[in-house]
Amino acid sequence: MIPKSFDAFVQSLKADKPEVLWPEALKALWYDGKDNWEMAHNIAQDIPSIHGYWIHAYLHRKEGDKWNAGYWYTRANREFPLVSLEAEFLELVGEVISTATN
């Protein structure tokens, strides 16, 4: 079941794995939430969509690769964010949940 809120998503991080039927974008964010950047990146780089590009950008921003992050933000049609990584993560999770449940 797809979480209905950010809080429900955070609760899902207690599990060993994300739900099998979740969209790949949500799985990538789940792994990032579990501090598994590598797995999150592996999933995100194979999502050919605005969400995939945005998550990919966020992950490169998180690792400190501003140039690579900028490239992916451009692909996602987004400006390089001025908000914290935590705020962007919250926005990303909310956007992916909203899209997946509509």
Protein backbone atom coordinates (compact mmCIF):
# COMPACT_ATOMS: atom_id res chain seq x y z
CA MET A 1 0.00 0.00 0.00
CA ILE A 2 1.30 3.44 -0.91
CA PRO A 3 1.66 5.69 2.15
CA LYS A 4 -0.88 8.49 2.28
CA SER A 5 1.38 11.05 3.96
CA PHE A 6 5.00 11.90 4.67
CA ASP A 7 4.56 10.61 8.23
CA ALA A 8 3.26 7.28 6.93
CA PHE A 9 6.25 7.16 4.56
CA VAL A 10 8.61 7.74 7.50
CA GLN A 11 6.90 4.91 9.39
CA SER A 12 7.53 2.62 6.39
CA LEU A 13 11.27 3.13 6.90
CA LYS A 14 11.05 0.70 9.83
CA ALA A 15 10.62 -2.14 7.33
CA ASP A 16 13.51 -4.05 5.79
CA LYS A 17 12.44 -3.28 2.22
CA PRO A 18 10.00 -0.98 0.43
CA GLU A 19 6.71 -2.40 -0.76
CA VAL A 20 7.12 -4.35 -4.00
CA LEU A 21 4.20 -2.63 -5.72
CA TRP A 22 5.39 0.92 -5.02
CA PRO A 23 6.43 3.06 -7.97
CA GLU A 24 10.17 3.09 -8.55
CA ALA A 25 10.39 6.78 -7.59
CA LEU A 26 8.99 6.04 -4.14
CA LYS A 27 11.36 3.09 -3.74
CA ALA A 28 14.33 5.34 -4.59
CA LEU A 29 13.23 7.85 -1.97
CA TRP A 30 12.68 5.05 0.54
CA TYR A 31 16.27 3.87 0.11
CA ASP A 32 17.49 7.43 0.48
CA GLY A 33 15.44 7.68 3.67
CA LYS A 34 17.28 4.57 4.88
CA ASP A 35 20.62 6.29 4.12
CA ASN A 36 21.33 3.96 1.21
CA TRP A 37 22.39 6.56 -1.37
CA GLU A 38 23.81 3.95 -3.75
CA MET A 39 20.58 1.95 -4.03
CA ALA A 40 18.51 5.13 -4.29
CA HIS A 41 20.75 6.35 -7.11
CA ASN A 42 20.69 3.00 -8.92
CA ILE A 43 16.90 3.11 -9.00
CA ALA A 44 16.56 6.83 -9.80
CA GLN A 45 18.95 6.77 -12.74
CA ASP A 46 16.70 4.23 -14.46
CA ILE A 47 13.48 6.27 -14.14
CA PRO A 48 13.00 8.18 -17.42
CA SER A 49 10.55 10.76 -16.09
CA ILE A 50 10.43 14.16 -14.43
CA HIS A 51 10.27 12.46 -11.01
CA GLY A 52 13.25 10.27 -11.83
CA TYR A 53 15.28 13.25 -13.03
CA TRP A 54 14.33 15.28 -9.97
CA ILE A 55 15.26 12.49 -7.56
CA HIS A 56 18.51 11.97 -9.48
CA ALA A 57 19.25 15.70 -9.15
CA TYR A 58 18.46 15.69 -5.43
CA LEU A 59 20.75 12.71 -4.85
CA HIS A 60 23.67 14.36 -6.65
CA ARG A 61 23.03 17.55 -4.71
CA LYS A 62 23.09 15.50 -1.52
CA GLU A 63 26.44 13.94 -2.46
CA GLY A 64 27.85 17.42 -3.14
CA ASP A 65 28.12 17.12 -6.94
CA LYS A 66 26.59 20.49 -7.80
CA TRP A 67 27.39 20.32 -11.52
CA ASN A 68 25.76 16.90 -11.99
CA ALA A 69 22.81 17.93 -9.82
CA GLY A 70 22.35 21.05 -11.96
CA TYR A 71 22.23 18.95 -15.12
CA TRP A 72 19.48 16.74 -13.68
CA TYR A 73 17.49 19.67 -12.27
CA THR A 74 17.50 21.09 -15.80
CA ARG A 75 16.25 17.75 -17.17
CA ALA A 76 13.51 17.83 -14.51
CA ASN A 77 12.55 21.40 -15.53
CA ARG A 78 13.39 22.66 -12.05
CA GLU A 79 15.56 25.43 -10.69
CA PHE A 80 18.44 24.46 -8.43
CA PRO A 81 16.73 24.58 -5.00
CA LEU A 82 17.57 27.09 -2.31
CA VAL A 83 15.86 25.02 0.39
CA SER A 84 17.54 22.48 2.66
CA LEU A 85 17.96 18.88 1.56
CA GLU A 86 15.45 17.90 4.24
CA ALA A 87 12.84 20.31 2.84
CA GLU A 88 13.43 19.05 -0.68
CA PHE A 89 13.13 15.43 0.46
CA LEU A 90 9.80 16.23 2.12
CA GLU A 91 8.59 17.93 -1.08
CA LEU A 92 9.77 15.03 -3.25
CA VAL A 93 8.08 12.39 -1.12
CA GLY A 94 4.87 14.42 -1.06
CA GLU A 95 4.91 14.87 -4.84
CA VAL A 96 5.55 11.20 -5.56
CA ILE A 97 2.88 10.07 -3.09
CA SER A 98 0.38 12.54 -4.56
CA THR A 99 1.04 11.37 -8.11
CA ALA A 100 0.91 7.68 -7.16
CA THR A 101 -2.41 7.98 -5.32
CA ASN A 102 -4.23 10.03 -7.98
